[in-house]
Amino acid sequence: MHLWFGDLPITLVAEHGCWVKEPKRDWDSRCNIQSELKEKVRTIMDTYVDRLPQSFVEDKDFTVAFHYRNADPEMASLRVAELVDELKALIANTELSILTGNKVIEVRPAGVNKGTTAISFCQNCDFVLAMGDDITDEDMFKALSPKAITIKVGVAPSFARYHLASQVDALNLLKYLVENG
């Protein structure tokens, strides 16, 4: 991160708000997940990787995601519905929730999303720049003040005020801001 942001006095947030890095501090975890329950989620998702070629599981510190963007769309619609049903049964009455994103199913701590995190950090901010390319970013775009600069990366409809066509454009914008600050 140091290469991208240098010593800028900014706060970085990851995993929907479960990890936070404030200026001149180390990363701080803000979430909790029972390792046994997380392992059960991972095991179920691994089973569906075997059932859906070209899918894979991403195991993060506080979330587990099943990605199927490269899988056959017809087969994926069937397998993903089965996976979601199985996950719902497993996490009923737990502190976890299921997030359905763009060709991804993610199990994460309930009540944690980019919108609630953005509100908690941006109440007294002078400047807010929020940029994202995923459906999960829409919670953040909706929650932020109208004064915030919200940017959707990609062409999908969004609650963001501005759009950039690609990740390359997003990186160029960040580079420009750092260099011309």
Protein backbone atom coordinates (compact mmCIF):
# COMPACT_ATOMS: atom_id res chain seq x y z
CA MET A 1 0.00 0.00 0.00
CA HIS A 2 2.87 2.34 0.68
CA LEU A 3 3.78 2.40 -3.02
CA TRP A 4 0.27 3.52 -3.96
CA PHE A 5 -0.58 5.98 -1.21
CA GLY A 6 2.80 7.00 0.22
CA ASP A 7 2.41 8.93 3.46
CA LEU A 8 -0.96 10.42 2.62
CA PRO A 9 -3.10 10.86 5.75
CA ILE A 10 -5.91 8.58 4.56
CA THR A 11 -7.89 5.71 6.06
CA LEU A 12 -8.09 2.45 4.11
CA VAL A 13 -10.88 -0.07 4.60
CA ALA A 14 -10.99 -3.69 3.38
CA GLU A 15 -13.30 -6.71 3.52
CA HIS A 16 -16.49 -4.61 3.71
CA GLY A 17 -15.21 -2.85 6.83
CA CYS A 18 -13.69 -5.74 8.74
CA TRP A 19 -10.17 -4.37 8.27
CA VAL A 20 -9.30 -0.70 8.81
CA LYS A 21 -5.96 1.07 8.47
CA GLU A 22 -5.92 4.60 9.81
CA PRO A 23 -3.07 7.02 9.12
CA LYS A 24 0.21 6.05 10.80
CA ARG A 25 -1.34 2.92 12.34
CA ASP A 26 -1.31 -0.79 11.58
CA TRP A 27 -4.30 -2.62 10.14
CA ASP A 28 -7.00 -3.22 12.80
CA SER A 29 -9.63 -5.97 12.65
CA ARG A 30 -13.20 -4.86 13.37
CA CYS A 31 -15.04 -8.15 12.86
CA ASN A 32 -15.23 -11.57 14.36
CA ILE A 33 -16.20 -14.90 12.82
CA GLN A 34 -16.28 -18.32 14.45
CA SER A 35 -13.54 -20.35 12.78
CA GLU A 36 -15.57 -23.58 13.00
CA LEU A 37 -18.54 -22.00 11.21
CA LYS A 38 -16.30 -20.38 8.61
CA GLU A 39 -14.68 -23.76 7.94
CA LYS A 40 -18.11 -25.35 7.40
CA VAL A 41 -18.95 -22.61 4.88
CA ARG A 42 -15.63 -23.22 3.14
CA THR A 43 -16.26 -26.99 2.99
CA ILE A 44 -19.67 -26.50 1.38
CA MET A 45 -18.25 -24.06 -1.16
CA ASP A 46 -15.39 -26.47 -1.96
CA THR A 47 -17.99 -29.13 -2.75
CA TYR A 48 -19.58 -26.80 -5.28
CA VAL A 49 -16.21 -26.06 -6.87
CA ASP A 50 -16.11 -29.78 -7.67
CA ARG A 51 -19.64 -29.54 -9.11
CA LEU A 52 -19.09 -26.39 -11.16
CA PRO A 53 -15.99 -26.34 -13.38
CA GLN A 54 -14.13 -23.02 -13.56
CA SER A 55 -15.44 -21.86 -10.18
CA PHE A 56 -13.20 -21.22 -7.19
CA VAL A 57 -13.30 -20.22 -3.51
CA GLU A 58 -11.58 -17.15 -2.09
CA ASP A 59 -10.91 -17.46 1.62
CA LYS A 60 -10.40 -14.09 3.29
CA ASP A 61 -9.89 -13.34 6.97
CA PHE A 62 -13.56 -12.65 7.74
CA THR A 63 -15.40 -13.74 4.61
CA VAL A 64 -15.52 -16.68 2.22
CA ALA A 65 -16.46 -16.10 -1.42
CA PHE A 66 -17.51 -18.51 -4.15
CA HIS A 67 -16.61 -17.08 -7.59
CA TYR A 68 -18.15 -18.43 -10.76
CA ARG A 69 -17.48 -15.76 -13.41
CA ASN A 70 -15.67 -18.25 -15.67
CA ALA A 71 -18.20 -21.07 -15.29
CA ASP A 72 -20.82 -22.13 -17.80
CA PRO A 73 -23.77 -19.73 -17.18
CA GLU A 74 -26.49 -22.37 -17.49
CA MET A 75 -24.83 -24.81 -15.13
CA ALA A 76 -23.89 -21.96 -12.80
CA SER A 77 -27.50 -20.82 -12.37
CA LEU A 78 -28.45 -24.29 -11.14
CA ARG A 79 -25.44 -24.90 -8.90
CA VAL A 80 -25.45 -21.42 -7.38
CA ALA A 81 -29.12 -21.74 -6.41
CA GLU A 82 -28.32 -25.05 -4.71
CA LEU A 83 -25.29 -23.53 -2.97
CA VAL A 84 -27.27 -20.56 -1.66
CA ASP A 85 -29.98 -22.86 -0.29
CA GLU A 86 -27.39 -24.99 1.49
CA LEU A 87 -25.59 -21.94 2.90
CA LYS A 88 -28.87 -20.41 4.12
CA ALA A 89 -29.63 -23.58 6.05
CA LEU A 90 -26.15 -23.60 7.58
CA ILE A 91 -26.03 -19.96 8.69
CA ALA A 92 -29.63 -19.60 9.87
CA ASN A 93 -29.60 -18.10 13.38
CA THR A 94 -25.90 -17.16 13.20
CA GLU A 95 -24.04 -13.89 12.96
CA LEU A 96 -23.39 -14.45 9.24
CA SER A 97 -25.19 -13.29 6.10
CA ILE A 98 -25.03 -14.12 2.41
CA LEU A 99 -24.15 -11.49 -0.15
CA THR A 100 -24.96 -12.15 -3.79
CA GLY A 101 -22.64 -10.11 -5.98
CA ASN A 102 -21.65 -10.12 -9.63
CA LYS A 103 -20.98 -13.82 -10.22
CA VAL A 104 -19.93 -14.28 -6.61
CA ILE A 105 -21.62 -15.56 -3.45
CA GLU A 106 -20.00 -14.31 -0.27
CA VAL A 107 -20.66 -15.25 3.34
CA ARG A 108 -19.72 -12.47 5.74
CA PRO A 109 -20.52 -11.14 9.21
CA ALA A 110 -24.10 -9.80 9.32
CA GLY A 111 -24.52 -6.04 9.46
CA VAL A 112 -21.14 -5.41 7.89
CA ASN A 113 -21.22 -3.66 4.56
CA LYS A 114 -19.50 -0.82 2.81
CA GLY A 115 -22.40 1.54 3.53
CA THR A 116 -22.38 1.16 7.32
CA THR A 117 -18.60 1.37 7.33
CA ALA A 118 -18.58 4.49 5.16
CA ILE A 119 -21.07 6.24 7.43
CA SER A 120 -19.02 5.43 10.54
CA PHE A 121 -15.85 6.89 9.02
CA CYS A 122 -17.14 9.77 6.96
CA GLN A 123 -19.36 11.74 9.34
CA ASN A 124 -16.83 14.53 9.95
CA CYS A 125 -14.71 14.25 6.84
CA ASP A 126 -13.84 17.28 4.74
CA PHE A 127 -13.39 15.21 1.59
CA VAL A 128 -14.65 11.76 0.64
CA LEU A 129 -13.73 9.89 -2.53
CA ALA A 130 -15.41 6.50 -2.86
CA MET A 131 -14.70 4.35 -5.89
CA GLY A 132 -15.78 0.81 -6.69
CA ASP A 133 -16.64 -1.64 -9.44
CA ASP A 134 -18.86 -4.16 -7.67
CA ILE A 135 -22.48 -4.48 -6.61
CA THR A 136 -21.26 -4.40 -2.99
CA ASP A 137 -20.10 -0.81 -3.54
CA GLU A 138 -23.68 0.33 -4.10
CA ASP A 139 -24.34 0.24 -0.31
CA MET A 140 -21.49 2.71 0.06
CA PHE A 141 -22.63 4.97 -2.77
CA LYS A 142 -26.17 5.14 -1.33
CA ALA A 143 -25.02 5.79 2.24
CA LEU A 144 -22.56 8.60 1.61
CA SER A 145 -23.40 12.29 1.72
CA PRO A 146 -24.32 13.93 -1.59
CA LYS A 147 -21.11 15.98 -1.17
CA ALA A 148 -19.00 12.82 -1.49
CA ILE A 149 -17.31 12.08 -4.79
CA THR A 150 -18.68 8.64 -5.70
CA ILE A 151 -17.33 6.86 -8.77
CA LYS A 152 -18.54 3.63 -10.34
CA VAL A 153 -15.84 1.84 -12.29
CA GLY A 154 -17.49 0.14 -15.25
CA VAL A 155 -20.65 0.69 -17.25
CA ALA A 156 -23.30 -0.91 -15.01
CA PRO A 157 -26.07 1.29 -13.57
CA SER A 158 -25.11 2.75 -10.20
CA PHE A 159 -25.98 5.11 -7.36
CA ALA A 160 -22.57 6.72 -7.87
CA ARG A 161 -22.51 10.28 -9.19
CA TYR A 162 -19.66 9.66 -11.63
CA HIS A 163 -18.46 6.82 -13.84
CA LEU A 164 -15.08 5.67 -15.11
CA ALA A 165 -14.95 3.14 -17.93
CA SER A 166 -12.23 0.85 -16.57
CA GLN A 167 -9.83 -0.02 -13.78
CA VAL A 168 -7.06 1.57 -15.85
CA ASP A 169 -8.99 4.85 -15.75
CA ALA A 170 -9.41 4.47 -11.97
CA LEU A 171 -5.68 3.92 -11.49
CA ASN A 172 -4.89 6.90 -13.69
CA LEU A 173 -7.23 9.07 -11.60
CA LEU A 174 -5.57 7.94 -8.37
CA LYS A 175 -2.14 8.58 -9.85
CA TYR A 176 -3.22 12.05 -10.92
CA LEU A 177 -4.57 12.84 -7.45
CA VAL A 178 -1.37 11.67 -5.78
CA GLU A 179 0.85 13.61 -8.14
CA ASN A 180 -1.25 16.79 -8.17
CA GLY A 181 -2.79 16.45 -4.73
